[in-house]
Every structure is written in structure tokens, then in C-alpha cells.
């Protein structure tokens, strides 16, 4: 498979998952209360950490002489890990 097509496919799937996380977060924030405040603080902190991790992963891959599609895959992998964890956490049923 063409590496650019594969990267675009992974980015599109990540976008879909990110949209689901945004919807779950919006529902939690719309409910209000302490859970909404915690979610907002968690979201901002995670975004900063995720951006930093992705930048480090991209720079490390660039320093290793990886191709551009390989660099993109490493960066997307960082974001995918975060999005997947958030989707799992936010979609858990409360008892």
C-alpha cells in the first residue's frame, strides 16, 4: 500500500475517534458539576502533554533519518494512544 495513502487512512480514522471523544467530553461538560470542571482541567493538561510527546516523537524520527510518512506515523501513534485512552475512560458507565 502506498505509504501516503496509509498515513491518510490512519489520520482519517484518528479524526473519527477524536470526534467521538469531543462529543463525550461535551456531554460530560454539559452535565455540569465537579465532573465537568475536572474534565476541562484534564483535557487542557492532556493536550499540552500530547502535543509535546508528538513533537518529541516527530523530532526523534527525523533525527533517525526516517521518511516523512514514517515520521507522520510516529506522530499519529502518539495522538492515537491518547485518543483511545480518553474514549475508553469517557465511555465507561457510571455505577
PDB file of N, CA and C in Angstrom:
ATOM      1  N   UNK A   1       0.847  -1.172   0.000  1.00  0.00           N
ATOM      2  CA  UNK A   1       0.000   0.000   0.000  1.00  0.00           C
ATOM      3  C   UNK A   1       0.899   1.243   0.000  1.00  0.00           C
ATOM      4  N   UNK A   2       0.481   2.235  -0.717  1.00  0.00           N
ATOM      5  CA  UNK A   2       1.191   3.499  -0.779  1.00  0.00           C
ATOM      6  C   UNK A   2       1.312   4.084   0.635  1.00  0.00           C
ATOM      7  N   UNK A   3       2.535   4.468   1.056  1.00  0.00           N
ATOM      8  CA  UNK A   3       2.695   4.965   2.428  1.00  0.00           C
ATOM      9  C   UNK A   3       1.905   6.242   2.700  1.00  0.00           C
ATOM     10  N   UNK A   4       1.735   7.085   1.710  1.00  0.00           N
ATOM     11  CA  UNK A   4       0.958   8.313   1.918  1.00  0.00           C
ATOM     12  C   UNK A   4      -0.524   8.000   2.077  1.00  0.00           C
ATOM     13  N   UNK A   5      -0.998   7.030   1.323  1.00  0.00           N
ATOM     14  CA  UNK A   5      -2.396   6.625   1.450  1.00  0.00           C
ATOM     15  C   UNK A   5      -2.648   6.001   2.813  1.00  0.00           C
ATOM     16  N   UNK A   6      -1.710   5.164   3.260  1.00  0.00           N
ATOM     17  CA  UNK A   6      -1.834   4.524   4.565  1.00  0.00           C
ATOM     18  C   UNK A   6      -1.865   5.584   5.677  1.00  0.00           C
ATOM     19  N   UNK A   7      -0.983   6.585   5.577  1.00  0.00           N
ATOM     20  CA  UNK A   7      -0.939   7.651   6.569  1.00  0.00           C
ATOM     21  C   UNK A   7      -2.237   8.453   6.561  1.00  0.00           C
ATOM     22  N   UNK A   8      -2.753   8.749   5.378  1.00  0.00           N
ATOM     23  CA  UNK A   8      -4.013   9.493   5.277  1.00  0.00           C
ATOM     24  C   UNK A   8      -5.165   8.679   5.863  1.00  0.00           C
ATOM     25  N   UNK A   9      -5.147   7.380   5.635  1.00  0.00           N
ATOM     26  CA  UNK A   9      -6.172   6.497   6.187  1.00  0.00           C
ATOM     27  C   UNK A   9      -6.116   6.502   7.721  1.00  0.00           C
ATOM     28  N   UNK A  10      -4.910   6.401   8.275  1.00  0.00           N
ATOM     29  CA  UNK A  10      -4.760   6.424   9.730  1.00  0.00           C
ATOM     30  C   UNK A  10      -5.189   7.771  10.309  1.00  0.00           C
ATOM     31  N   UNK A  11      -4.870   8.849   9.603  1.00  0.00           N
ATOM     32  CA  UNK A  11      -5.275  10.183  10.068  1.00  0.00           C
ATOM     33  C   UNK A  11      -6.794  10.320  10.051  1.00  0.00           C
ATOM     34  N   UNK A  12      -7.442   9.779   9.039  1.00  0.00           N
ATOM     35  CA  UNK A  12      -8.903   9.850   8.952  1.00  0.00           C
ATOM     36  C   UNK A  12      -9.555   9.046  10.082  1.00  0.00           C
ATOM     37  N   UNK A  13      -9.000   7.885  10.385  1.00  0.00           N
ATOM     38  CA  UNK A  13      -9.543   7.079  11.495  1.00  0.00           C
ATOM     39  C   UNK A  13      -9.321   7.777  12.832  1.00  0.00           C
ATOM     40  N   UNK A  14      -8.172   8.409  12.985  1.00  0.00           N
ATOM     41  CA  UNK A  14      -7.904   9.160  14.208  1.00  0.00           C
ATOM     42  C   UNK A  14      -8.879  10.327  14.334  1.00  0.00           C
ATOM     43  N   UNK A  15      -9.171  10.975  13.224  1.00  0.00           N
ATOM     44  CA  UNK A  15     -10.118  12.087  13.234  1.00  0.00           C
ATOM     45  C   UNK A  15     -11.494  11.603  13.698  1.00  0.00           C
ATOM     46  N   UNK A  16     -11.915  10.457  13.226  1.00  0.00           N
ATOM     47  CA  UNK A  16     -13.214   9.900  13.616  1.00  0.00           C
ATOM     48  C   UNK A  16     -13.239   9.627  15.122  1.00  0.00           C
ATOM     49  N   UNK A  17     -12.177   9.002  15.634  1.00  0.00           N
ATOM     50  CA  UNK A  17     -12.109   8.721  17.062  1.00  0.00           C
ATOM     51  C   UNK A  17     -12.078  10.018  17.877  1.00  0.00           C
ATOM     52  N   UNK A  18     -11.355  11.007  17.395  1.00  0.00           N
ATOM     53  CA  UNK A  18     -11.273  12.288  18.104  1.00  0.00           C
ATOM     54  C   UNK A  18     -12.637  12.969  18.160  1.00  0.00           C
ATOM     55  N   UNK A  19     -13.417  12.836  17.103  1.00  0.00           N
ATOM     56  CA  UNK A  19     -14.766  13.415  17.100  1.00  0.00           C
ATOM     57  C   UNK A  19     -15.634  12.753  18.175  1.00  0.00           C
ATOM     58  N   UNK A  20     -15.482  11.450  18.339  1.00  0.00           N
ATOM     59  CA  UNK A  20     -16.233  10.743  19.371  1.00  0.00           C
ATOM     60  C   UNK A  20     -15.825  11.219  20.765  1.00  0.00           C
ATOM     61  N   UNK A  21     -14.524  11.419  20.978  1.00  0.00           N
ATOM     62  CA  UNK A  21     -14.047  11.900  22.264  1.00  0.00           C
ATOM     63  C   UNK A  21     -14.567  13.313  22.528  1.00  0.00           C
ATOM     64  N   UNK A  22     -14.579  14.158  21.509  1.00  0.00           N
ATOM     65  CA  UNK A  22     -15.098  15.510  21.694  1.00  0.00           C
ATOM     66  C   UNK A  22     -16.572  15.486  22.082  1.00  0.00           C
ATOM     67  N   UNK A  23     -17.343  14.611  21.456  1.00  0.00           N
ATOM     68  CA  UNK A  23     -18.765  14.502  21.790  1.00  0.00           C
ATOM     69  C   UNK A  23     -18.947  14.018  23.222  1.00  0.00           C
ATOM     70  N   UNK A  24     -18.168  13.023  23.637  1.00  0.00           N
ATOM     71  CA  UNK A  24     -18.269  12.517  25.006  1.00  0.00           C
ATOM     72  C   UNK A  24     -17.867  13.590  26.020  1.00  0.00           C
ATOM     73  N   UNK A  25     -16.832  14.350  25.687  1.00  0.00           N
ATOM     74  CA  UNK A  25     -16.404  15.419  26.592  1.00  0.00           C
ATOM     75  C   UNK A  25     -17.460  16.515  26.684  1.00  0.00           C
ATOM     76  N   UNK A  26     -18.047  16.864  25.557  1.00  0.00           N
ATOM     77  CA  UNK A  26     -19.086  17.891  25.569  1.00  0.00           C
ATOM     78  C   UNK A  26     -20.284  17.453  26.408  1.00  0.00           C
ATOM     79  N   UNK A  27     -20.640  16.185  26.324  1.00  0.00           N
ATOM     80  CA  UNK A  27     -21.750  15.690  27.139  1.00  0.00           C
ATOM     81  C   UNK A  27     -21.411  15.779  28.623  1.00  0.00           C
ATOM     82  N   UNK A  28     -20.179  15.427  28.971  1.00  0.00           N
ATOM     83  CA  UNK A  28     -19.778  15.489  30.372  1.00  0.00           C
ATOM     84  C   UNK A  28     -19.768  16.939  30.851  1.00  0.00           C
ATOM     85  N   UNK A  29     -19.284  17.851  30.020  1.00  0.00           N
ATOM     86  CA  UNK A  29     -19.239  19.261  30.411  1.00  0.00           C
ATOM     87  C   UNK A  29     -20.636  19.872  30.467  1.00  0.00           C
ATOM     88  N   UNK A  30     -21.515  19.436  29.584  1.00  0.00           N
ATOM     89  CA  UNK A  30     -22.880  19.964  29.580  1.00  0.00           C
ATOM     90  C   UNK A  30     -23.632  19.543  30.833  1.00  0.00           C
ATOM     91  N   UNK A  31     -23.261  18.404  31.414  1.00  0.00           N
ATOM     92  CA  UNK A  31     -23.911  17.941  32.636  1.00  0.00           C
ATOM     93  C   UNK A  31     -23.555  18.831  33.824  1.00  0.00           C
ATOM     94  N   UNK A  32     -22.424  19.529  33.724  1.00  0.00           N
ATOM     95  CA  UNK A  32     -22.025  20.453  34.778  1.00  0.00           C
ATOM     96  C   UNK A  32     -21.500  19.752  36.008  1.00  0.00           C
ATOM     97  N   UNK A  33     -21.307  20.532  37.049  1.00  0.00           N
ATOM     98  CA  UNK A  33     -20.842  19.986  38.319  1.00  0.00           C
ATOM     99  C   UNK A  33     -19.344  19.804  38.380  1.00  0.00           C
ATOM    100  N   UNK A  34     -18.888  19.143  39.429  1.00  0.00           N
ATOM    101  CA  UNK A  34     -17.452  18.943  39.616  1.00  0.00           C
ATOM    102  C   UNK A  34     -16.818  18.070  38.525  1.00  0.00           C
ATOM    103  N   UNK A  35     -17.586  17.129  37.990  1.00  0.00           N
ATOM    104  CA  UNK A  35     -17.051  16.261  36.925  1.00  0.00           C
ATOM    105  C   UNK A  35     -16.715  17.077  35.688  1.00  0.00           C
ATOM    106  N   UNK A  36     -17.523  18.085  35.391  1.00  0.00           N
ATOM    107  CA  UNK A  36     -17.269  18.931  34.225  1.00  0.00           C
ATOM    108  C   UNK A  36     -15.994  19.750  34.422  1.00  0.00           C
ATOM    109  N   UNK A  37     -15.807  20.274  35.621  1.00  0.00           N
ATOM    110  CA  UNK A  37     -14.593  21.052  35.908  1.00  0.00           C
ATOM    111  C   UNK A  37     -13.345  20.177  35.823  1.00  0.00           C
ATOM    112  N   UNK A  38     -13.435  18.967  36.380  1.00  0.00           N
ATOM    113  CA  UNK A  38     -12.295  18.044  36.311  1.00  0.00           C
ATOM    114  C   UNK A  38     -11.974  17.686  34.876  1.00  0.00           C
ATOM    115  N   UNK A  39     -13.012  17.455  34.079  1.00  0.00           N
ATOM    116  CA  UNK A  39     -12.801  17.084  32.679  1.00  0.00           C
ATOM    117  C   UNK A  39     -12.119  18.204  31.911  1.00  0.00           C
ATOM    118  N   UNK A  40     -12.517  19.429  32.164  1.00  0.00           N
ATOM    119  CA  UNK A  40     -11.903  20.570  31.489  1.00  0.00           C
ATOM    120  C   UNK A  40     -10.431  20.689  31.856  1.00  0.00           C
ATOM    121  N   UNK A  41     -10.117  20.550  33.135  1.00  0.00           N
ATOM    122  CA  UNK A  41      -8.715  20.608  33.564  1.00  0.00           C
ATOM    123  C   UNK A  41      -7.910  19.452  32.975  1.00  0.00           C
ATOM    124  N   UNK A  42      -8.495  18.267  32.969  1.00  0.00           N
ATOM    125  CA  UNK A  42      -7.824  17.094  32.410  1.00  0.00           C
ATOM    126  C   UNK A  42      -7.560  17.292  30.925  1.00  0.00           C
ATOM    127  N   UNK A  43      -8.554  17.808  30.208  1.00  0.00           N
ATOM    128  CA  UNK A  43      -8.438  17.997  28.769  1.00  0.00           C
ATOM    129  C   UNK A  43      -7.288  18.945  28.427  1.00  0.00           C
ATOM    130  N   UNK A  44      -7.226  20.068  29.107  1.00  0.00           N
ATOM    131  CA  UNK A  44      -6.184  21.048  28.803  1.00  0.00           C
ATOM    132  C   UNK A  44      -4.799  20.463  29.085  1.00  0.00           C
ATOM    133  N   UNK A  45      -4.647  19.811  30.234  1.00  0.00           N
ATOM    134  CA  UNK A  45      -3.362  19.206  30.571  1.00  0.00           C
ATOM    135  C   UNK A  45      -2.948  18.132  29.585  1.00  0.00           C
ATOM    136  N   UNK A  46      -3.903  17.293  29.186  1.00  0.00           N
ATOM    137  CA  UNK A  46      -3.591  16.218  28.237  1.00  0.00           C
ATOM    138  C   UNK A  46      -3.184  16.765  26.883  1.00  0.00           C
ATOM    139  N   UNK A  47      -3.822  17.827  26.452  1.00  0.00           N
ATOM    140  CA  UNK A  47      -3.487  18.412  25.154  1.00  0.00           C
ATOM    141  C   UNK A  47      -2.057  18.932  25.143  1.00  0.00           C
ATOM    142  N   UNK A  48      -1.642  19.562  26.223  1.00  0.00           N
ATOM    143  CA  UNK A  48      -0.264  20.062  26.306  1.00  0.00           C
ATOM    144  C   UNK A  48       0.738  18.911  26.286  1.00  0.00           C
ATOM    145  N   UNK A  49       0.479  17.896  27.084  1.00  0.00           N
ATOM    146  CA  UNK A  49       1.387  16.748  27.154  1.00  0.00           C
ATOM    147  C   UNK A  49       1.419  15.998  25.832  1.00  0.00           C
ATOM    148  N   UNK A  50       0.257  15.796  25.222  1.00  0.00           N
ATOM    149  CA  UNK A  50       0.181  15.071  23.960  1.00  0.00           C
ATOM    150  C   UNK A  50       0.931  15.807  22.852  1.00  0.00           C
ATOM    151  N   UNK A  51       0.772  17.107  22.798  1.00  0.00           N
ATOM    152  CA  UNK A  51       1.481  17.892  21.780  1.00  0.00           C
ATOM    153  C   UNK A  51       2.986  17.792  21.964  1.00  0.00           C
ATOM    154  N   UNK A  52       3.424  17.846  23.211  1.00  0.00           N
ATOM    155  CA  UNK A  52       4.853  17.735  23.496  1.00  0.00           C
ATOM    156  C   UNK A  52       5.378  16.357  23.113  1.00  0.00           C
ATOM    157  N   UNK A  53       4.652  15.305  23.481  1.00  0.00           N
ATOM    158  CA  UNK A  53       5.068  13.942  23.139  1.00  0.00           C
ATOM    159  C   UNK A  53       5.141  13.746  21.628  1.00  0.00           C
ATOM    160  N   UNK A  54       4.150  14.265  20.918  1.00  0.00           N
ATOM    161  CA  UNK A  54       4.125  14.117  19.461  1.00  0.00           C
ATOM    162  C   UNK A  54       5.302  14.861  18.825  1.00  0.00           C
ATOM    163  N   UNK A  55       5.612  16.024  19.352  1.00  0.00           N
ATOM    164  CA  UNK A  55       6.727  16.791  18.813  1.00  0.00           C
ATOM    165  C   UNK A  55       8.046  16.057  19.045  1.00  0.00           C
ATOM    166  N   UNK A  56       8.225  15.500  20.230  1.00  0.00           N
ATOM    167  CA  UNK A  56       9.440  14.750  20.531  1.00  0.00           C
ATOM    168  C   UNK A  56       9.541  13.516  19.637  1.00  0.00           C
ATOM    169  N   UNK A  57       8.430  12.807  19.458  1.00  0.00           N
ATOM    170  CA  UNK A  57       8.436  11.611  18.608  1.00  0.00           C
ATOM    171  C   UNK A  57       8.781  11.971  17.166  1.00  0.00           C
ATOM    172  N   UNK A  58       8.210  13.073  16.680  1.00  0.00           N
ATOM    173  CA  UNK A  58       8.496  13.503  15.315  1.00  0.00           C
ATOM    174  C   UNK A  58       9.938  13.921  15.137  1.00  0.00           C
ATOM    175  N   UNK A  59      10.465  14.658  16.094  1.00  0.00           N
ATOM    176  CA  UNK A  59      11.861  15.097  16.004  1.00  0.00           C
ATOM    177  C   UNK A  59      12.821  13.914  16.121  1.00  0.00           C
ATOM    178  N   UNK A  60      12.501  12.947  16.968  1.00  0.00           N
ATOM    179  CA  UNK A  60      13.349  11.761  17.105  1.00  0.00           C
ATOM    180  C   UNK A  60      13.365  10.973  15.800  1.00  0.00           C
ATOM    181  N   UNK A  61      12.191  10.816  15.182  1.00  0.00           N
ATOM    182  CA  UNK A  61      12.126  10.093  13.906  1.00  0.00           C
ATOM    183  C   UNK A  61      12.878  10.855  12.816  1.00  0.00           C
ATOM    184  N   UNK A  62      12.786  12.172  12.830  1.00  0.00           N
ATOM    185  CA  UNK A  62      13.515  12.994  11.856  1.00  0.00           C
ATOM    186  C   UNK A  62      15.016  12.850  12.055  1.00  0.00           C
ATOM    187  N   UNK A  63      15.457  12.850  13.320  1.00  0.00           N
ATOM    188  CA  UNK A  63      16.881  12.701  13.622  1.00  0.00           C
ATOM    189  C   UNK A  63      17.405  11.328  13.212  1.00  0.00           C
ATOM    190  N   UNK A  64      16.543  10.324  13.238  1.00  0.00           N
ATOM    191  CA  UNK A  64      16.936   8.974  12.827  1.00  0.00           C
ATOM    192  C   UNK A  64      16.968   8.827  11.314  1.00  0.00           C
ATOM    193  N   UNK A  65      16.525   9.859  10.596  1.00  0.00           N
ATOM    194  CA  UNK A  65      16.535   9.816   9.135  1.00  0.00           C
ATOM    195  C   UNK A  65      15.346   9.093   8.535  1.00  0.00           C
ATOM    196  N   UNK A  66      14.263   9.000   9.278  1.00  0.00           N
ATOM    197  CA  UNK A  66      13.058   8.323   8.779  1.00  0.00           C
ATOM    198  C   UNK A  66      12.434   9.132   7.633  1.00  0.00           C
ATOM    199  N   UNK A  67      11.642   8.453   6.831  1.00  0.00           N
ATOM    200  CA  UNK A  67      10.929   9.123   5.742  1.00  0.00           C
ATOM    201  C   UNK A  67       9.766   9.925   6.318  1.00  0.00           C
ATOM    202  N   UNK A  68       9.251  10.852   5.533  1.00  0.00           N
ATOM    203  CA  UNK A  68       8.136  11.674   6.010  1.00  0.00           C
ATOM    204  C   UNK A  68       6.909  10.854   6.396  1.00  0.00           C
ATOM    205  N   UNK A  69       6.513   9.841   5.601  1.00  0.00           N
ATOM    206  CA  UNK A  69       5.373   9.026   6.043  1.00  0.00           C
ATOM    207  C   UNK A  69       5.647   8.309   7.366  1.00  0.00           C
ATOM    208  N   UNK A  70       6.886   7.866   7.581  1.00  0.00           N
ATOM    209  CA  UNK A  70       7.229   7.187   8.837  1.00  0.00           C
ATOM    210  C   UNK A  70       7.173   8.157  10.011  1.00  0.00           C
ATOM    211  N   UNK A  71       7.597   9.392   9.785  1.00  0.00           N
ATOM    212  CA  UNK A  71       7.520  10.411  10.832  1.00  0.00           C
ATOM    213  C   UNK A  71       6.064  10.689  11.175  1.00  0.00           C
ATOM    214  N   UNK A  72       5.246  10.835  10.143  1.00  0.00           N
ATOM    215  CA  UNK A  72       3.817  11.068  10.372  1.00  0.00           C
ATOM    216  C   UNK A  72       3.188   9.928  11.154  1.00  0.00           C
ATOM    217  N   UNK A  73       3.564   8.694  10.841  1.00  0.00           N
ATOM    218  CA  UNK A  73       3.016   7.540  11.560  1.00  0.00           C
ATOM    219  C   UNK A  73       3.377   7.595  13.037  1.00  0.00           C
ATOM    220  N   UNK A  74       4.619   7.980  13.346  1.00  0.00           N
ATOM    221  CA  UNK A  74       5.029   8.066  14.749  1.00  0.00           C
ATOM    222  C   UNK A  74       4.242   9.141  15.487  1.00  0.00           C
ATOM    223  N   UNK A  75       4.038  10.273  14.841  1.00  0.00           N
ATOM    224  CA  UNK A  75       3.284  11.366  15.460  1.00  0.00           C
ATOM    225  C   UNK A  75       1.823  10.956  15.652  1.00  0.00           C
ATOM    226  N   UNK A  76       1.239  10.342  14.636  1.00  0.00           N
ATOM    227  CA  UNK A  76      -0.150   9.904  14.746  1.00  0.00           C
ATOM    228  C   UNK A  76      -0.321   8.844  15.826  1.00  0.00           C
ATOM    229  N   UNK A  77       0.682   7.994  15.990  1.00  0.00           N
ATOM    230  CA  UNK A  77       0.605   6.939  17.003  1.00  0.00           C
ATOM    231  C   UNK A  77       0.491   7.538  18.412  1.00  0.00           C
ATOM    232  N   UNK A  78       1.200   8.637  18.650  1.00  0.00           N
ATOM    233  CA  UNK A  78       1.127   9.305  19.957  1.00  0.00           C
ATOM    234  C   UNK A  78      -0.295   9.800  20.205  1.00  0.00           C
ATOM    235  N   UNK A  79      -0.854  10.497  19.221  1.00  0.00           N
ATOM    236  CA  UNK A  79      -2.201  11.040  19.384  1.00  0.00           C
ATOM    237  C   UNK A  79      -3.242   9.926  19.467  1.00  0.00           C
ATOM    238  N   UNK A  80      -3.045   8.869  18.684  1.00  0.00           N
ATOM    239  CA  UNK A  80      -3.997   7.757  18.686  1.00  0.00           C
ATOM    240  C   UNK A  80      -4.062   7.102  20.059  1.00  0.00           C
ATOM    241  N   UNK A  81      -2.905   6.939  20.700  1.00  0.00           N
ATOM    242  CA  UNK A  81      -2.856   6.335  22.029  1.00  0.00           C
ATOM    243  C   UNK A  81      -3.664   7.174  23.025  1.00  0.00           C
ATOM    244  N   UNK A  82      -3.500   8.487  22.972  1.00  0.00           N
ATOM    245  CA  UNK A  82      -4.214   9.382  23.885  1.00  0.00           C
ATOM    246  C   UNK A  82      -5.717   9.373  23.618  1.00  0.00           C
ATOM    247  N   UNK A  83      -6.075   9.444  22.348  1.00  0.00           N
ATOM    248  CA  UNK A  83      -7.500   9.490  21.986  1.00  0.00           C
ATOM    249  C   UNK A  83      -8.187   8.198  22.397  1.00  0.00           C
ATOM    250  N   UNK A  84      -7.531   7.076  22.151  1.00  0.00           N
ATOM    251  CA  UNK A  84      -8.118   5.775  22.507  1.00  0.00           C
ATOM    252  C   UNK A  84      -8.328   5.665  24.016  1.00  0.00           C
ATOM    253  N   UNK A  85      -7.343   6.120  24.801  1.00  0.00           N
ATOM    254  CA  UNK A  85      -7.469   6.071  26.259  1.00  0.00           C
ATOM    255  C   UNK A  85      -8.611   6.965  26.729  1.00  0.00           C
ATOM    256  N   UNK A  86      -8.748   8.131  26.128  1.00  0.00           N
ATOM    257  CA  UNK A  86      -9.831   9.032  26.512  1.00  0.00           C
ATOM    258  C   UNK A  86     -11.193   8.464  26.143  1.00  0.00           C
ATOM    259  N   UNK A  87     -11.282   7.857  24.975  1.00  0.00           N
ATOM    260  CA  UNK A  87     -12.561   7.260  24.567  1.00  0.00           C
ATOM    261  C   UNK A  87     -12.980   6.159  25.524  1.00  0.00           C
ATOM    262  N   UNK A  88     -12.017   5.330  25.936  1.00  0.00           N
ATOM    263  CA  UNK A  88     -12.307   4.272  26.913  1.00  0.00           C
ATOM    264  C   UNK A  88     -12.756   4.870  28.239  1.00  0.00           C
ATOM    265  N   UNK A  89     -12.029   5.868  28.707  1.00  0.00           N
ATOM    266  CA  UNK A  89     -12.336   6.468  30.007  1.00  0.00           C
ATOM    267  C   UNK A  89     -13.676   7.166  30.001  1.00  0.00           C
ATOM    268  N   UNK A  90     -13.958   7.918  28.943  1.00  0.00           N
ATOM    269  CA  UNK A  90     -15.199   8.706  28.903  1.00  0.00           C
ATOM    270  C   UNK A  90     -16.437   7.873  28.603  1.00  0.00           C
ATOM    271  N   UNK A  91     -16.274   6.725  27.995  1.00  0.00           N
ATOM    272  CA  UNK A  91     -17.438   5.915  27.651  1.00  0.00           C
ATOM    273  C   UNK A  91     -17.766   4.856  28.710  1.00  0.00           C
ATOM    274  N   UNK A  92     -17.008   4.838  29.803  1.00  0.00           N
ATOM    275  CA  UNK A  92     -17.324   3.899  30.898  1.00  0.00           C
ATOM    276  C   UNK A  92     -18.641   4.294  31.534  1.00  0.00           C
ATOM    277  N   UNK A  93     -19.414   3.291  31.883  1.00  0.00           N
ATOM    278  CA  UNK A  93     -20.684   3.531  32.563  1.00  0.00           C
ATOM    279  C   UNK A  93     -20.431   3.803  34.033  1.00  0.00           C
ATOM    280  N   UNK A  94     -21.169   4.762  34.550  1.00  0.00           N
ATOM    281  CA  UNK A  94     -21.068   5.037  35.979  1.00  0.00           C
ATOM    282  C   UNK A  94     -22.044   4.124  36.720  1.00  0.00           C
ATOM    283  N   UNK A  95     -21.626   3.691  37.881  1.00  0.00           N
ATOM    284  CA  UNK A  95     -22.459   2.774  38.672  1.00  0.00           C
ATOM    285  C   UNK A  95     -23.382   3.555  39.568  1.00  0.00           C
TER     286      UNK A  95
END
